[in-house]
C-alpha atoms as a PDB file:
ATOM      1  CA  MET A   1     -71.426  37.607 195.947  1.00  0.00           C
ATOM      2  CA  ALA A   2     -71.426  41.004 197.826  1.00  0.00           C
ATOM      3  CA  THR A   3     -69.285  43.808 196.972  1.00  0.00           C
ATOM      4  CA  ALA A   4     -65.778  43.675 198.340  1.00  0.00           C
ATOM      5  CA  LYS A   5     -64.299  46.178 200.673  1.00  0.00           C
ATOM      6  CA  PHE A   6     -60.802  45.824 199.538  1.00  0.00           C
ATOM      7  CA  PRO A   7     -58.886  43.801 196.787  1.00  0.00           C
ATOM      8  CA  LEU A   8     -57.131  40.560 197.763  1.00  0.00           C
ATOM      9  CA  GLY A   9     -54.146  40.925 195.565  1.00  0.00           C
ATOM     10  CA  ARG A  10     -52.502  37.531 194.743  1.00  0.00           C
ATOM     11  CA  THR A  11     -54.092  34.883 196.689  1.00  0.00           C
ATOM     12  CA  VAL A  12     -51.745  32.262 198.066  1.00  0.00           C
ATOM     13  CA  ILE A  13     -52.153  29.358 200.403  1.00  0.00           C
ATOM     14  CA  THR A  14     -49.592  27.260 202.337  1.00  0.00           C
ATOM     15  CA  LYS A  15     -48.882  23.708 201.410  1.00  0.00           C
ATOM     16  CA  ASN A  16     -50.180  22.399 204.709  1.00  0.00           C
ATOM     17  CA  ALA A  17     -53.521  24.416 204.440  1.00  0.00           C
ATOM     18  CA  ALA A  18     -54.124  23.258 200.991  1.00  0.00           C
ATOM     19  CA  ASN A  19     -53.514  19.590 202.104  1.00  0.00           C
ATOM     20  CA  THR A  20     -55.791  19.912 205.153  1.00  0.00           C
ATOM     21  CA  LEU A  21     -58.790  22.315 204.404  1.00  0.00           C
ATOM     22  CA  ALA A  22     -61.963  21.758 202.558  1.00  0.00           C
ATOM     23  CA  ALA A  23     -61.455  24.029 199.277  1.00  0.00           C
ATOM     24  CA  ILE A  24     -64.946  25.085 199.130  1.00  0.00           C
ATOM     25  CA  SER A  25     -64.808  26.488 202.841  1.00  0.00           C
ATOM     26  CA  VAL A  26     -61.526  28.441 201.673  1.00  0.00           C
ATOM     27  CA  LYS A  27     -63.254  29.876 198.817  1.00  0.00           C
ATOM     28  CA  GLU A  28     -66.345  30.801 200.932  1.00  0.00           C
ATOM     29  CA  CYS A  29     -64.031  32.291 203.542  1.00  0.00           C
ATOM     30  CA  LEU A  30     -62.088  34.270 201.100  1.00  0.00           C
ATOM     31  CA  GLU A  31     -65.108  35.925 199.919  1.00  0.00           C
ATOM     32  CA  ARG A  32     -66.293  36.686 203.553  1.00  0.00           C
ATOM     33  CA  HIS A  33     -62.877  38.030 204.230  1.00  0.00           C
ATOM     34  CA  ALA A  34     -62.950  40.542 201.402  1.00  0.00           C
ATOM     35  CA  GLN A  35     -66.667  41.628 202.289  1.00  0.00           C
ATOM     36  CA  GLY A  36     -65.164  42.389 205.910  1.00  0.00           C
ATOM     37  CA  ASP A  37     -66.676  39.390 207.580  1.00  0.00           C
ATOM     38  CA  TRP A  38     -63.696  38.822 209.935  1.00  0.00           C
ATOM     39  CA  GLY A  39     -65.054  35.204 211.217  1.00  0.00           C
ATOM     40  CA  ASP A  40     -64.183  34.197 214.573  1.00  0.00           C
ATOM     41  CA  VAL A  41     -61.938  37.062 215.863  1.00  0.00           C
ATOM     42  CA  CYS A  42     -62.375  38.822 219.046  1.00  0.00           C
ATOM     43  CA  LYS A  43     -63.908  42.242 219.209  1.00  0.00           C
ATOM     44  CA  GLU A  44     -60.718  44.113 219.616  1.00  0.00           C
ATOM     45  CA  ASP A  45     -59.327  42.334 216.396  1.00  0.00           C
ATOM     46  CA  ARG A  46     -62.665  43.183 214.759  1.00  0.00           C
ATOM     47  CA  GLN A  47     -62.052  46.927 215.773  1.00  0.00           C
ATOM     48  CA  SER A  48     -58.439  46.499 214.472  1.00  0.00           C
ATOM     49  CA  ASN A  49     -59.521  45.381 211.098  1.00  0.00           C
ATOM     50  CA  GLU A  50     -61.936  48.124 210.842  1.00  0.00           C
ATOM     51  CA  GLU A  51     -59.257  50.654 211.342  1.00  0.00           C
ATOM     52  CA  ALA A  52     -56.878  48.972 209.147  1.00  0.00           C
ATOM     53  CA  LEU A  53     -59.484  49.137 206.277  1.00  0.00           C
ATOM     54  CA  LYS A  54     -59.375  52.964 206.678  1.00  0.00           C
ATOM     55  CA  GLU A  55     -55.450  53.220 207.278  1.00  0.00           C
ATOM     56  CA  GLY A  56     -54.269  50.575 204.863  1.00  0.00           C
ATOM     57  CA  LEU A  57     -52.765  48.129 207.565  1.00  0.00           C
ATOM     58  CA  ARG A  58     -52.784  44.287 207.583  1.00  0.00           C
ATOM     59  CA  LEU A  59     -56.131  42.684 207.937  1.00  0.00           C
ATOM     60  CA  PHE A  60     -56.656  39.229 209.732  1.00  0.00           C
ATOM     61  CA  SER A  61     -59.736  36.826 209.928  1.00  0.00           C
ATOM     62  CA  SER A  62     -60.021  33.378 211.557  1.00  0.00           C
ATOM     63  CA  TYR A  63     -62.407  30.734 210.394  1.00  0.00           C
ATOM     64  CA  MET A  64     -63.253  27.079 210.790  1.00  0.00           C
ATOM     65  CA  ASP A  65     -63.567  24.800 207.523  1.00  0.00           C
ATOM     66  CA  SER A  66     -66.361  22.331 207.105  1.00  0.00           C
ATOM     67  CA  LYS A  67     -64.341  19.560 208.878  1.00  0.00           C
ATOM     68  CA  GLY A  68     -63.931  21.790 211.926  1.00  0.00           C
ATOM     69  CA  THR A  69     -60.276  22.786 211.055  1.00  0.00           C
ATOM     70  CA  LYS A  70     -59.304  26.553 212.249  1.00  0.00           C
ATOM     71  CA  PHE A  71     -57.391  28.674 209.586  1.00  0.00           C
ATOM     72  CA  TRP A  72     -56.557  32.270 209.022  1.00  0.00           C
ATOM     73  CA  ILE A  73     -56.644  34.598 206.277  1.00  0.00           C
ATOM     74  CA  ILE A  74     -54.138  37.356 206.014  1.00  0.00           C
ATOM     75  CA  THR A  75     -54.232  40.159 203.715  1.00  0.00           C
ATOM     76  CA  GLU A  76     -51.094  42.533 203.608  1.00  0.00           C
ATOM     77  CA  HIS A  77     -51.150  46.344 204.379  1.00  0.00           C
ATOM     78  CA  ASP A  78     -50.577  46.987 200.512  1.00  0.00           C
ATOM     79  CA  ARG A  79     -53.300  44.506 199.545  1.00  0.00           C
ATOM     80  CA  SER A  80     -50.908  42.812 197.107  1.00  0.00           C
ATOM     81  CA  VAL A  81     -50.904  39.224 198.711  1.00  0.00           C
ATOM     82  CA  THR A  82     -53.567  37.515 200.709  1.00  0.00           C
ATOM     83  CA  THR A  83     -52.605  34.442 202.493  1.00  0.00           C
ATOM     84  CA  VAL A  84     -54.548  31.183 203.729  1.00  0.00           C
ATOM     85  CA  LEU A  85     -52.638  29.391 206.445  1.00  0.00           C
ATOM     86  CA  LEU A  86     -53.215  27.377 209.462  1.00  0.00           C
ATOM     87  CA  PRO A  87     -52.302  28.831 212.819  1.00  0.00           C
ATOM     88  CA  GLU A  88     -49.191  26.641 213.020  1.00  0.00           C
ATOM     89  CA  ASP A  89     -47.897  27.671 209.508  1.00  0.00           C
ATOM     90  CA  TYR A  90     -47.436  31.230 210.971  1.00  0.00           C
END
C-alpha cells in the first residue's frame, strides 16, 4: 500500500452502506481516499480536498463499488473519524 497522506481516525460505516456495498470495494477505496485519490469528484472538489489537506478541513471522496453502487467517504476536519456512506445516508 502506498503511503497515506493523512490518518483516517476511527473508521465507521452506515448500516445502509454496510448492507449494500461490496466489502472489498470499501477497503480498496478507503486506501485510495487515505492516499489522496478522491475518486469521482469534480475538479473543484478535488482542489478543495487538496486545500483541506493543508488547512485541516473535511475531506470528501466519491467512488463506485464493484456492483456499480455510488458511495462517499468523508474524513472529519480533525481526522478523528472517517465515515463510509451512501448518498442517501447523508
